[in-house]
Amino acid sequence: MTMKKLHTLLIALFLLSPTITMAQTTLDEEIQLIQAEFGLDKQKLIEIYMDLPENQQNSFWMIYKQYEEERKSIARDRMIIINDYLKNFEDLDETKMDDLAKKTIKNDIDISKLHSKYYKRFKKATSALIAAKFLQVDNYIHSTIKLSAQETLPFIDER
């Protein structure tokens, strides 16, 4: 599957996924539902794109599951930061904005550290090519989603 086809599939998947907005749903429940839904769809995208040789599949998917567990925690933190930003948007002051900016920077660093850690694991269990291919597609998926979310957020001082 080419990146262009993956991009089209990812956008369609993202746009067609139901939005979870039940009034009684807590933020944690909403995050868990989104992550559960996206996790399954993401794994299918990864499976199609990676087209792994049969002798590499077990090793790759075992490490992938570990990766996803750690990544979900970081994604959950990002969703909490975004929710906090939206909840406090009308009353952002220096202190709150500084806090949100630092949390966002830490979140970006955490995902980079996770990629570094798991690149080594994927490479050891499979090959450098497979590890790099996974990081490329994973970065692509998350960058696309991050950009899509960013486009819906109001800019600071935009009222």
C-alpha atoms as a PDB file:
ATOM      1  CA  MET A   1       0.000   0.000   0.000  1.00  0.00           C
ATOM      2  CA  THR A   2       1.424   3.374  -0.949  1.00  0.00           C
ATOM      3  CA  MET A   3       1.469   6.345   1.416  1.00  0.00           C
ATOM      4  CA  LYS A   4      -1.077   8.116  -0.793  1.00  0.00           C
ATOM      5  CA  LYS A   5      -3.505   5.201  -0.498  1.00  0.00           C
ATOM      6  CA  LEU A   6      -2.822   5.012   3.241  1.00  0.00           C
ATOM      7  CA  HIS A   7      -3.522   8.744   3.553  1.00  0.00           C
ATOM      8  CA  THR A   8      -6.865   8.372   1.776  1.00  0.00           C
ATOM      9  CA  LEU A   9      -7.802   5.358   3.897  1.00  0.00           C
ATOM     10  CA  LEU A  10      -6.762   7.110   7.108  1.00  0.00           C
ATOM     11  CA  ILE A  11      -8.763  10.254   6.341  1.00  0.00           C
ATOM     12  CA  ALA A  12     -11.831   8.186   5.441  1.00  0.00           C
ATOM     13  CA  LEU A  13     -11.462   6.140   8.616  1.00  0.00           C
ATOM     14  CA  PHE A  14     -11.017   9.242  10.770  1.00  0.00           C
ATOM     15  CA  LEU A  15     -13.969  11.076   9.222  1.00  0.00           C
ATOM     16  CA  LEU A  16     -16.290   8.085   9.307  1.00  0.00           C
ATOM     17  CA  SER A  17     -15.576   7.162  12.915  1.00  0.00           C
ATOM     18  CA  PRO A  18     -18.491   8.065  15.143  1.00  0.00           C
ATOM     19  CA  THR A  19     -17.922  10.974  17.487  1.00  0.00           C
ATOM     20  CA  ILE A  20     -18.483  10.102  21.108  1.00  0.00           C
ATOM     21  CA  THR A  21     -20.402  12.864  22.846  1.00  0.00           C
ATOM     22  CA  MET A  22     -22.672  11.316  25.455  1.00  0.00           C
ATOM     23  CA  ALA A  23     -23.423  13.754  28.251  1.00  0.00           C
ATOM     24  CA  GLN A  24     -23.038  11.127  30.972  1.00  0.00           C
ATOM     25  CA  THR A  25     -19.685   9.904  29.623  1.00  0.00           C
ATOM     26  CA  THR A  26     -16.719  11.043  31.669  1.00  0.00           C
ATOM     27  CA  LEU A  27     -13.524  12.191  30.000  1.00  0.00           C
ATOM     28  CA  ASP A  28     -11.767   8.959  31.008  1.00  0.00           C
ATOM     29  CA  GLU A  29     -14.559   6.811  29.544  1.00  0.00           C
ATOM     30  CA  GLU A  30     -14.544   8.869  26.348  1.00  0.00           C
ATOM     31  CA  ILE A  31     -10.774   8.511  26.031  1.00  0.00           C
ATOM     32  CA  GLN A  32     -10.990   4.739  26.560  1.00  0.00           C
ATOM     33  CA  LEU A  33     -13.731   4.390  23.943  1.00  0.00           C
ATOM     34  CA  ILE A  34     -11.839   6.463  21.374  1.00  0.00           C
ATOM     35  CA  GLN A  35      -8.612   4.590  22.020  1.00  0.00           C
ATOM     36  CA  ALA A  36     -10.315   1.195  21.833  1.00  0.00           C
ATOM     37  CA  GLU A  37     -12.012   2.085  18.552  1.00  0.00           C
ATOM     38  CA  PHE A  38      -8.932   3.679  17.020  1.00  0.00           C
ATOM     39  CA  GLY A  39      -6.614   0.941  18.275  1.00  0.00           C
ATOM     40  CA  LEU A  40      -8.431  -1.723  16.292  1.00  0.00           C
ATOM     41  CA  ASP A  41      -8.610   0.389  13.153  1.00  0.00           C
ATOM     42  CA  LYS A  42      -5.005   1.466  13.483  1.00  0.00           C
ATOM     43  CA  GLN A  43      -3.821  -2.118  13.817  1.00  0.00           C
ATOM     44  CA  LYS A  44      -5.593  -2.994  10.581  1.00  0.00           C
ATOM     45  CA  LEU A  45      -3.915  -0.062   8.829  1.00  0.00           C
ATOM     46  CA  ILE A  46      -0.533  -1.117  10.185  1.00  0.00           C
ATOM     47  CA  GLU A  47      -1.121  -4.728   9.124  1.00  0.00           C
ATOM     48  CA  ILE A  48      -2.015  -3.737   5.574  1.00  0.00           C
ATOM     49  CA  TYR A  49       0.844  -1.275   5.199  1.00  0.00           C
ATOM     50  CA  MET A  50       3.557  -3.400   6.805  1.00  0.00           C
ATOM     51  CA  ASP A  51       2.855  -6.521   4.728  1.00  0.00           C
ATOM     52  CA  LEU A  52       5.153  -8.491   7.010  1.00  0.00           C
ATOM     53  CA  PRO A  53       6.885 -11.701   5.967  1.00  0.00           C
ATOM     54  CA  GLU A  54       5.306 -14.639   7.787  1.00  0.00           C
ATOM     55  CA  ASN A  55       8.466 -15.400   9.768  1.00  0.00           C
ATOM     56  CA  GLN A  56       8.462 -11.825  11.221  1.00  0.00           C
ATOM     57  CA  GLN A  57       4.783 -11.516  12.129  1.00  0.00           C
ATOM     58  CA  ASN A  58       4.750 -13.038  15.628  1.00  0.00           C
ATOM     59  CA  SER A  59       7.736 -11.001  16.819  1.00  0.00           C
ATOM     60  CA  PHE A  60       6.416  -7.794  15.296  1.00  0.00           C
ATOM     61  CA  TRP A  61       2.879  -8.075  16.711  1.00  0.00           C
ATOM     62  CA  MET A  62       4.086  -9.018  20.181  1.00  0.00           C
ATOM     63  CA  ILE A  63       6.191  -5.858  20.336  1.00  0.00           C
ATOM     64  CA  TYR A  64       3.443  -3.801  18.662  1.00  0.00           C
ATOM     65  CA  LYS A  65       0.982  -4.691  21.442  1.00  0.00           C
ATOM     66  CA  GLN A  66       3.488  -3.535  24.067  1.00  0.00           C
ATOM     67  CA  TYR A  67       4.102  -0.349  22.092  1.00  0.00           C
ATOM     68  CA  GLU A  68       0.391   0.409  21.792  1.00  0.00           C
ATOM     69  CA  GLU A  69      -0.154   0.020  25.541  1.00  0.00           C
ATOM     70  CA  GLU A  70       2.524   2.625  26.242  1.00  0.00           C
ATOM     71  CA  ARG A  71       1.431   4.866  23.360  1.00  0.00           C
ATOM     72  CA  LYS A  72      -2.187   4.884  24.532  1.00  0.00           C
ATOM     73  CA  SER A  73      -1.104   6.389  27.840  1.00  0.00           C
ATOM     74  CA  ILE A  74       0.714   9.202  26.032  1.00  0.00           C
ATOM     75  CA  ALA A  75      -2.256   9.742  23.676  1.00  0.00           C
ATOM     76  CA  ARG A  76      -4.570   9.842  26.699  1.00  0.00           C
ATOM     77  CA  ASP A  77      -2.398  12.554  28.260  1.00  0.00           C
ATOM     78  CA  ARG A  78      -2.556  14.576  25.018  1.00  0.00           C
ATOM     79  CA  MET A  79      -6.356  14.313  24.999  1.00  0.00           C
ATOM     80  CA  ILE A  80      -6.465  15.535  28.597  1.00  0.00           C
ATOM     81  CA  ILE A  81      -4.250  18.513  27.673  1.00  0.00           C
ATOM     82  CA  ILE A  82      -6.532  19.380  24.737  1.00  0.00           C
ATOM     83  CA  ASN A  83      -9.626  19.036  26.908  1.00  0.00           C
ATOM     84  CA  ASP A  84      -8.053  21.254  29.574  1.00  0.00           C
ATOM     85  CA  TYR A  85      -7.209  23.853  26.911  1.00  0.00           C
ATOM     86  CA  LEU A  86     -10.766  23.857  25.569  1.00  0.00           C
ATOM     87  CA  LYS A  87     -12.322  23.917  29.016  1.00  0.00           C
ATOM     88  CA  ASN A  88     -10.235  26.901  30.079  1.00  0.00           C
ATOM     89  CA  PHE A  89      -9.976  28.636  26.704  1.00  0.00           C
ATOM     90  CA  GLU A  90     -12.006  31.711  27.664  1.00  0.00           C
ATOM     91  CA  ASP A  91      -9.945  32.330  30.801  1.00  0.00           C
ATOM     92  CA  LEU A  92      -6.395  31.443  29.795  1.00  0.00           C
ATOM     93  CA  ASP A  93      -3.907  33.425  31.809  1.00  0.00           C
ATOM     94  CA  GLU A  94      -0.099  33.336  31.911  1.00  0.00           C
ATOM     95  CA  THR A  95       0.032  30.600  34.540  1.00  0.00           C
ATOM     96  CA  LYS A  96      -2.468  28.286  32.847  1.00  0.00           C
ATOM     97  CA  MET A  97      -0.976  28.810  29.386  1.00  0.00           C
ATOM     98  CA  ASP A  98       2.517  28.122  30.715  1.00  0.00           C
ATOM     99  CA  ASP A  99       1.269  24.909  32.336  1.00  0.00           C
ATOM    100  CA  LEU A 100      -0.458  23.739  29.134  1.00  0.00           C
ATOM    101  CA  ALA A 101       2.552  24.598  26.966  1.00  0.00           C
ATOM    102  CA  LYS A 102       4.931  22.664  29.241  1.00  0.00           C
ATOM    103  CA  LYS A 103       2.594  19.652  29.293  1.00  0.00           C
ATOM    104  CA  THR A 104       2.368  19.714  25.486  1.00  0.00           C
ATOM    105  CA  ILE A 105       6.165  19.850  25.124  1.00  0.00           C
ATOM    106  CA  LYS A 106       6.572  16.971  27.591  1.00  0.00           C
ATOM    107  CA  ASN A 107       3.960  14.968  25.689  1.00  0.00           C
ATOM    108  CA  ASP A 108       5.849  15.487  22.412  1.00  0.00           C
ATOM    109  CA  ILE A 109       9.095  14.410  24.090  1.00  0.00           C
ATOM    110  CA  ASP A 110       7.380  11.334  25.564  1.00  0.00           C
ATOM    111  CA  ILE A 111       6.221  10.121  22.147  1.00  0.00           C
ATOM    112  CA  SER A 112       9.711  10.673  20.703  1.00  0.00           C
ATOM    113  CA  LYS A 113      11.259   8.680  23.554  1.00  0.00           C
ATOM    114  CA  LEU A 114       8.711   5.924  22.985  1.00  0.00           C
ATOM    115  CA  HIS A 115       9.563   5.790  19.286  1.00  0.00           C
ATOM    116  CA  SER A 116      13.272   5.578  20.089  1.00  0.00           C
ATOM    117  CA  LYS A 117      12.724   2.800  22.623  1.00  0.00           C
ATOM    118  CA  TYR A 118      10.513   0.746  20.330  1.00  0.00           C
ATOM    119  CA  TYR A 119      12.580   1.305  17.205  1.00  0.00           C
ATOM    120  CA  LYS A 120      15.353  -0.592  18.991  1.00  0.00           C
ATOM    121  CA  ARG A 121      12.964  -3.368  20.011  1.00  0.00           C
ATOM    122  CA  PHE A 122      11.412  -3.725  16.560  1.00  0.00           C
ATOM    123  CA  LYS A 123      14.854  -3.696  14.930  1.00  0.00           C
ATOM    124  CA  LYS A 124      16.183  -6.393  17.244  1.00  0.00           C
ATOM    125  CA  ALA A 125      13.134  -8.627  16.751  1.00  0.00           C
ATOM    126  CA  THR A 126      12.748  -8.073  12.999  1.00  0.00           C
ATOM    127  CA  SER A 127      15.050  -5.804  10.973  1.00  0.00           C
ATOM    128  CA  ALA A 128      16.016  -2.149  10.630  1.00  0.00           C
ATOM    129  CA  LEU A 129      13.879  -1.922   7.498  1.00  0.00           C
ATOM    130  CA  ILE A 130      10.745  -3.199   9.230  1.00  0.00           C
ATOM    131  CA  ALA A 131      11.396  -1.049  12.307  1.00  0.00           C
ATOM    132  CA  ALA A 132      11.888   2.084  10.201  1.00  0.00           C
ATOM    133  CA  LYS A 133       8.842   1.271   8.080  1.00  0.00           C
ATOM    134  CA  PHE A 134       6.723   0.948  11.217  1.00  0.00           C
ATOM    135  CA  LEU A 135       7.975   4.240  12.660  1.00  0.00           C
ATOM    136  CA  GLN A 136       7.310   5.986   9.373  1.00  0.00           C
ATOM    137  CA  VAL A 137       3.711   4.802   9.118  1.00  0.00           C
ATOM    138  CA  ASP A 138       3.045   5.308  12.835  1.00  0.00           C
ATOM    139  CA  ASN A 139       4.393   8.867  12.648  1.00  0.00           C
ATOM    140  CA  TYR A 140       2.308   9.476   9.555  1.00  0.00           C
ATOM    141  CA  ILE A 141      -0.895   8.239  11.202  1.00  0.00           C
ATOM    142  CA  HIS A 142      -0.379  10.256  14.361  1.00  0.00           C
ATOM    143  CA  SER A 143       0.763  13.390  12.542  1.00  0.00           C
ATOM    144  CA  THR A 144      -2.354  13.249  10.373  1.00  0.00           C
ATOM    145  CA  ILE A 145      -4.605  12.855  13.394  1.00  0.00           C
ATOM    146  CA  LYS A 146      -2.737  15.543  15.328  1.00  0.00           C
ATOM    147  CA  LEU A 147      -3.049  17.964  12.397  1.00  0.00           C
ATOM    148  CA  SER A 148      -6.743  17.200  12.022  1.00  0.00           C
ATOM    149  CA  ALA A 149      -7.332  17.837  15.729  1.00  0.00           C
ATOM    150  CA  GLN A 150      -5.205  21.003  15.623  1.00  0.00           C
ATOM    151  CA  GLU A 151      -7.299  22.390  12.781  1.00  0.00           C
ATOM    152  CA  THR A 152     -10.409  22.239  14.982  1.00  0.00           C
ATOM    153  CA  LEU A 153      -8.823  23.943  17.998  1.00  0.00           C
ATOM    154  CA  PRO A 154      -9.178  27.691  18.402  1.00  0.00           C
ATOM    155  CA  PHE A 155      -5.952  29.678  18.380  1.00  0.00           C
ATOM    156  CA  ILE A 156      -4.887  31.467  21.535  1.00  0.00           C
ATOM    157  CA  ASP A 157      -6.595  34.856  21.756  1.00  0.00           C
ATOM    158  CA  GLU A 158      -9.059  33.839  19.045  1.00  0.00           C
ATOM    159  CA  ARG A 159     -12.511  34.562  20.413  1.00  0.00           C
END
